[in-house]
Amino acid sequence: MSRPSKNLRRNSRILVRALSGLEQGKRNPTVITLFELAEAIGVSHLDLLAPHD
């Protein structure tokens, strides 16, 4: 697991297996997980949902 993933997991209280599944597109996050991830990386949850080019 990369250092950013370790920091994200620690900051968001998400299990390694769950975070790995999200990163690989094998799992879909819950709304609560989206809020926790957004808080952990310092962005709005809406930023995680916005389309990116």
N, C-alpha and C. Protein backbone atom coordinates (compact mmCIF):
# COMPACT_ATOMS: atom_id res chain seq x y z
N MET A 1 0.85 -1.18 0.00
CA MET A 1 0.00 0.00 0.00
C MET A 1 0.89 1.24 0.00
N SER A 2 0.53 2.19 -0.82
CA SER A 2 1.33 3.41 -0.93
C SER A 2 1.15 4.30 0.30
N ARG A 3 2.10 5.21 0.50
CA ARG A 3 2.03 6.11 1.65
C ARG A 3 0.75 6.95 1.65
N PRO A 4 0.33 7.54 0.49
CA PRO A 4 -0.93 8.29 0.53
C PRO A 4 -2.10 7.43 0.98
N SER A 5 -2.12 6.17 0.57
CA SER A 5 -3.21 5.29 1.00
C SER A 5 -3.16 5.04 2.49
N LYS A 6 -1.96 4.89 3.04
CA LYS A 6 -1.83 4.69 4.49
C LYS A 6 -2.32 5.91 5.24
N ASN A 7 -1.94 7.09 4.77
CA ASN A 7 -2.38 8.33 5.42
C ASN A 7 -3.89 8.49 5.32
N LEU A 8 -4.44 8.19 4.16
CA LEU A 8 -5.88 8.31 3.96
C LEU A 8 -6.62 7.34 4.86
N ARG A 9 -6.15 6.12 4.94
CA ARG A 9 -6.80 5.13 5.79
C ARG A 9 -6.77 5.58 7.24
N ARG A 10 -5.63 6.06 7.68
CA ARG A 10 -5.49 6.51 9.08
C ARG A 10 -6.41 7.70 9.35
N ASN A 11 -6.46 8.64 8.43
CA ASN A 11 -7.26 9.85 8.63
C ASN A 11 -8.76 9.61 8.48
N SER A 12 -9.16 8.58 7.76
CA SER A 12 -10.58 8.37 7.50
C SER A 12 -11.17 7.18 8.25
N ARG A 13 -10.37 6.43 8.98
CA ARG A 13 -10.82 5.28 9.75
C ARG A 13 -11.40 4.19 8.86
N ILE A 14 -10.93 4.09 7.64
CA ILE A 14 -11.41 3.07 6.71
C ILE A 14 -10.45 1.89 6.73
N LEU A 15 -10.99 0.69 6.73
CA LEU A 15 -10.18 -0.51 6.74
C LEU A 15 -9.36 -0.63 5.46
N VAL A 16 -8.18 -1.23 5.58
CA VAL A 16 -7.28 -1.39 4.43
C VAL A 16 -8.00 -2.09 3.28
N ARG A 17 -8.68 -3.16 3.58
CA ARG A 17 -9.37 -3.92 2.53
C ARG A 17 -10.43 -3.08 1.82
N ALA A 18 -11.17 -2.30 2.59
CA ALA A 18 -12.21 -1.46 2.01
C ALA A 18 -11.60 -0.37 1.13
N LEU A 19 -10.54 0.27 1.62
CA LEU A 19 -9.90 1.33 0.84
C LEU A 19 -9.30 0.77 -0.44
N SER A 20 -8.69 -0.38 -0.35
CA SER A 20 -8.11 -1.02 -1.53
C SER A 20 -9.20 -1.31 -2.56
N GLY A 21 -10.33 -1.81 -2.11
CA GLY A 21 -11.44 -2.09 -3.02
C GLY A 21 -11.97 -0.84 -3.69
N LEU A 22 -12.01 0.26 -2.95
CA LEU A 22 -12.45 1.53 -3.53
C LEU A 22 -11.47 2.01 -4.59
N GLU A 23 -10.18 1.93 -4.27
CA GLU A 23 -9.14 2.38 -5.20
C GLU A 23 -9.15 1.58 -6.49
N GLN A 24 -9.47 0.31 -6.39
CA GLN A 24 -9.46 -0.58 -7.56
C GLN A 24 -10.79 -0.62 -8.29
N GLY A 25 -11.77 0.11 -7.77
CA GLY A 25 -13.09 0.14 -8.41
C GLY A 25 -13.89 -1.13 -8.17
N LYS A 26 -13.51 -1.92 -7.18
CA LYS A 26 -14.21 -3.17 -6.88
C LYS A 26 -15.32 -2.97 -5.86
N ARG A 27 -15.31 -1.84 -5.17
CA ARG A 27 -16.32 -1.55 -4.15
C ARG A 27 -16.90 -0.17 -4.41
N ASN A 28 -18.11 0.03 -3.98
CA ASN A 28 -18.75 1.34 -4.04
C ASN A 28 -18.83 1.91 -2.63
N PRO A 29 -18.46 3.16 -2.46
CA PRO A 29 -18.49 3.75 -1.11
C PRO A 29 -19.91 4.08 -0.67
N THR A 30 -20.13 4.02 0.62
CA THR A 30 -21.40 4.50 1.18
C THR A 30 -21.31 6.02 1.28
N VAL A 31 -22.43 6.64 1.55
CA VAL A 31 -22.44 8.10 1.74
C VAL A 31 -21.55 8.48 2.91
N ILE A 32 -21.60 7.70 3.97
CA ILE A 32 -20.76 7.98 5.14
C ILE A 32 -19.29 7.89 4.75
N THR A 33 -18.93 6.89 3.97
CA THR A 33 -17.54 6.74 3.53
C THR A 33 -17.11 7.93 2.70
N LEU A 34 -17.98 8.42 1.82
CA LEU A 34 -17.65 9.60 1.01
C LEU A 34 -17.36 10.81 1.89
N PHE A 35 -18.18 11.00 2.91
CA PHE A 35 -17.96 12.12 3.83
C PHE A 35 -16.63 11.95 4.57
N GLU A 36 -16.33 10.73 5.02
CA GLU A 36 -15.08 10.49 5.75
C GLU A 36 -13.87 10.69 4.85
N LEU A 37 -13.94 10.20 3.62
CA LEU A 37 -12.83 10.38 2.68
C LEU A 37 -12.62 11.86 2.37
N ALA A 38 -13.70 12.58 2.13
CA ALA A 38 -13.59 14.01 1.83
C ALA A 38 -12.95 14.75 3.00
N GLU A 39 -13.39 14.45 4.21
CA GLU A 39 -12.81 15.10 5.38
C GLU A 39 -11.33 14.76 5.52
N ALA A 40 -10.98 13.51 5.26
CA ALA A 40 -9.59 13.07 5.41
C ALA A 40 -8.65 13.77 4.45
N ILE A 41 -9.15 14.10 3.24
CA ILE A 41 -8.27 14.75 2.27
C ILE A 41 -8.50 16.25 2.18
N GLY A 42 -9.42 16.76 3.00
CA GLY A 42 -9.61 18.20 3.09
C GLY A 42 -10.38 18.83 1.95
N VAL A 43 -11.36 18.09 1.42
CA VAL A 43 -12.21 18.64 0.36
C VAL A 43 -13.68 18.43 0.74
N SER A 44 -14.55 19.05 -0.02
CA SER A 44 -15.99 18.85 0.17
C SER A 44 -16.38 17.49 -0.41
N HIS A 45 -17.39 16.89 0.16
CA HIS A 45 -17.89 15.63 -0.40
C HIS A 45 -18.39 15.84 -1.83
N LEU A 46 -18.85 17.03 -2.12
CA LEU A 46 -19.30 17.34 -3.48
C LEU A 46 -18.16 17.29 -4.48
N ASP A 47 -16.95 17.63 -4.03
CA ASP A 47 -15.78 17.55 -4.91
C ASP A 47 -15.52 16.10 -5.35
N LEU A 48 -15.84 15.15 -4.49
CA LEU A 48 -15.63 13.74 -4.83
C LEU A 48 -16.66 13.25 -5.84
N LEU A 49 -17.80 13.92 -5.90
CA LEU A 49 -18.88 13.51 -6.80
C LEU A 49 -18.90 14.26 -8.12
N ALA A 50 -18.18 15.37 -8.18
CA ALA A 50 -18.18 16.20 -9.39
C ALA A 50 -17.44 15.50 -10.53
N PRO A 51 -17.96 15.64 -11.75
CA PRO A 51 -17.26 15.05 -12.90
C PRO A 51 -15.91 15.72 -13.12
N HIS A 52 -14.93 14.94 -13.48
CA HIS A 52 -13.59 15.46 -13.75
C HIS A 52 -13.18 15.05 -15.16
N ASP A 53 -12.55 15.98 -15.86
CA ASP A 53 -12.07 15.68 -17.22
C ASP A 53 -10.66 15.17 -17.20
